Amino acid sequence: MKAWFLLVLGIGLLAIAVQGLLRGWLPNGRNGFRQGTGVERESQPLGFWFFFCLYAGVGLYVAIHALRLLAGHGGPVAP
């Protein structure tokens, strides 16, 4: 059950990264997904690409780890 949750979480992070590429805005900060607290590609390109790499990298890692767990090749998941 934990592996399925991790898979959904990883795919969700990848979806946030893709929508950031399409919209040119990525959420960050304490307010989460509110439009005012993110980074825009045009006004803050370094911050945008940092958060894009963060979302995409962590999402890809978590999704691959979850797939390995579901296939029986990964180690145990912490409680």
C-alpha atoms as a PDB file:
ATOM      1  CA  MET A   1       0.000   0.000   0.000  1.00  0.00           C
ATOM      2  CA  LYS A   2       2.880   2.362   0.762  1.00  0.00           C
ATOM      3  CA  ALA A   3       4.402   1.743  -2.641  1.00  0.00           C
ATOM      4  CA  TRP A   4       1.167   2.767  -4.380  1.00  0.00           C
ATOM      5  CA  PHE A   5       1.064   5.958  -2.312  1.00  0.00           C
ATOM      6  CA  LEU A   6       4.658   6.719  -3.250  1.00  0.00           C
ATOM      7  CA  LEU A   7       3.864   6.107  -6.920  1.00  0.00           C
ATOM      8  CA  VAL A   8       0.945   8.555  -6.812  1.00  0.00           C
ATOM      9  CA  LEU A   9       3.104  11.087  -4.979  1.00  0.00           C
ATOM     10  CA  GLY A  10       5.913  10.792  -7.524  1.00  0.00           C
ATOM     11  CA  ILE A  11       3.563  11.113 -10.487  1.00  0.00           C
ATOM     12  CA  GLY A  12       1.956  14.127  -8.818  1.00  0.00           C
ATOM     13  CA  LEU A  13       5.309  15.865  -8.461  1.00  0.00           C
ATOM     14  CA  LEU A  14       6.090  15.147 -12.102  1.00  0.00           C
ATOM     15  CA  ALA A  15       2.697  16.599 -13.056  1.00  0.00           C
ATOM     16  CA  ILE A  16       3.503  19.790 -11.130  1.00  0.00           C
ATOM     17  CA  ALA A  17       6.793  20.087 -13.019  1.00  0.00           C
ATOM     18  CA  VAL A  18       5.073  19.607 -16.388  1.00  0.00           C
ATOM     19  CA  GLN A  19       2.356  22.147 -15.631  1.00  0.00           C
ATOM     20  CA  GLY A  20       5.110  24.535 -14.566  1.00  0.00           C
ATOM     21  CA  LEU A  21       6.713  24.216 -17.981  1.00  0.00           C
ATOM     22  CA  LEU A  22       3.392  24.851 -19.682  1.00  0.00           C
ATOM     23  CA  ARG A  23       2.305  27.798 -17.525  1.00  0.00           C
ATOM     24  CA  GLY A  24       5.667  29.318 -16.709  1.00  0.00           C
ATOM     25  CA  TRP A  25       4.950  29.338 -12.959  1.00  0.00           C
ATOM     26  CA  LEU A  26       5.874  26.907 -10.182  1.00  0.00           C
ATOM     27  CA  PRO A  27       4.568  26.975  -6.602  1.00  0.00           C
ATOM     28  CA  ASN A  28       6.868  27.283  -3.628  1.00  0.00           C
ATOM     29  CA  GLY A  29       6.834  28.662  -0.128  1.00  0.00           C
ATOM     30  CA  ARG A  30       4.512  28.389   2.816  1.00  0.00           C
ATOM     31  CA  ASN A  31       1.247  29.070   0.998  1.00  0.00           C
ATOM     32  CA  GLY A  32       1.569  26.117  -1.339  1.00  0.00           C
ATOM     33  CA  PHE A  33      -0.340  26.448  -4.572  1.00  0.00           C
ATOM     34  CA  ARG A  34      -1.624  30.013  -4.229  1.00  0.00           C
ATOM     35  CA  GLN A  35      -0.789  31.984  -7.335  1.00  0.00           C
ATOM     36  CA  GLY A  36       1.074  34.786  -5.547  1.00  0.00           C
ATOM     37  CA  THR A  37       3.794  32.753  -3.855  1.00  0.00           C
ATOM     38  CA  GLY A  38       5.533  31.011  -6.727  1.00  0.00           C
ATOM     39  CA  VAL A  39       8.360  31.699  -9.119  1.00  0.00           C
ATOM     40  CA  GLU A  40       7.793  32.771 -12.705  1.00  0.00           C
ATOM     41  CA  ARG A  41      10.014  31.761 -15.580  1.00  0.00           C
ATOM     42  CA  GLU A  42      10.254  35.264 -17.022  1.00  0.00           C
ATOM     43  CA  SER A  43      10.862  37.292 -13.867  1.00  0.00           C
ATOM     44  CA  GLN A  44      12.940  34.741 -11.875  1.00  0.00           C
ATOM     45  CA  PRO A  45      14.513  32.267 -14.326  1.00  0.00           C
ATOM     46  CA  LEU A  46      17.114  30.861 -11.925  1.00  0.00           C
ATOM     47  CA  GLY A  47      14.545  30.177  -9.209  1.00  0.00           C
ATOM     48  CA  PHE A  48      12.119  28.695 -11.720  1.00  0.00           C
ATOM     49  CA  TRP A  49      14.642  26.228 -13.110  1.00  0.00           C
ATOM     50  CA  PHE A  50      15.836  25.345  -9.605  1.00  0.00           C
ATOM     51  CA  PHE A  51      12.322  24.434  -8.510  1.00  0.00           C
ATOM     52  CA  PHE A  52      11.620  22.684 -11.811  1.00  0.00           C
ATOM     53  CA  CYS A  53      14.682  20.451 -11.326  1.00  0.00           C
ATOM     54  CA  LEU A  54      13.684  19.891  -7.703  1.00  0.00           C
ATOM     55  CA  TYR A  55      10.112  18.837  -8.538  1.00  0.00           C
ATOM     56  CA  ALA A  56      11.130  16.744 -11.556  1.00  0.00           C
ATOM     57  CA  GLY A  57      14.103  15.083  -9.857  1.00  0.00           C
ATOM     58  CA  VAL A  58      12.317  14.155  -6.649  1.00  0.00           C
ATOM     59  CA  GLY A  59       9.208  13.062  -8.551  1.00  0.00           C
ATOM     60  CA  LEU A  60      11.222  10.833 -10.850  1.00  0.00           C
ATOM     61  CA  TYR A  61      13.198   9.339  -7.951  1.00  0.00           C
ATOM     62  CA  VAL A  62      10.084   8.600  -5.888  1.00  0.00           C
ATOM     63  CA  ALA A  63       8.194   7.137  -8.862  1.00  0.00           C
ATOM     64  CA  ILE A  64      11.084   4.851  -9.842  1.00  0.00           C
ATOM     65  CA  HIS A  65      11.576   3.763  -6.234  1.00  0.00           C
ATOM     66  CA  ALA A  66       7.863   2.948  -5.955  1.00  0.00           C
ATOM     67  CA  LEU A  67       7.945   0.937  -9.178  1.00  0.00           C
ATOM     68  CA  ARG A  68      10.946  -1.013  -7.881  1.00  0.00           C
ATOM     69  CA  LEU A  69       9.067  -1.725  -4.656  1.00  0.00           C
ATOM     70  CA  LEU A  70       6.041  -2.932  -6.578  1.00  0.00           C
ATOM     71  CA  ALA A  71       8.259  -5.178  -8.695  1.00  0.00           C
ATOM     72  CA  GLY A  72       9.873  -6.666  -5.585  1.00  0.00           C
ATOM     73  CA  HIS A  73      13.378  -5.310  -6.252  1.00  0.00           C
ATOM     74  CA  GLY A  74      13.468  -2.468  -3.743  1.00  0.00           C
ATOM     75  CA  GLY A  75      14.308  -2.443  -0.071  1.00  0.00           C
ATOM     76  CA  PRO A  76      11.746  -2.086   2.703  1.00  0.00           C
ATOM     77  CA  VAL A  77       9.872   1.190   3.144  1.00  0.00           C
ATOM     78  CA  ALA A  78      10.350   2.942   6.462  1.00  0.00           C
ATOM     79  CA  PRO A  79       7.264   2.899   8.738  1.00  0.00           C
END
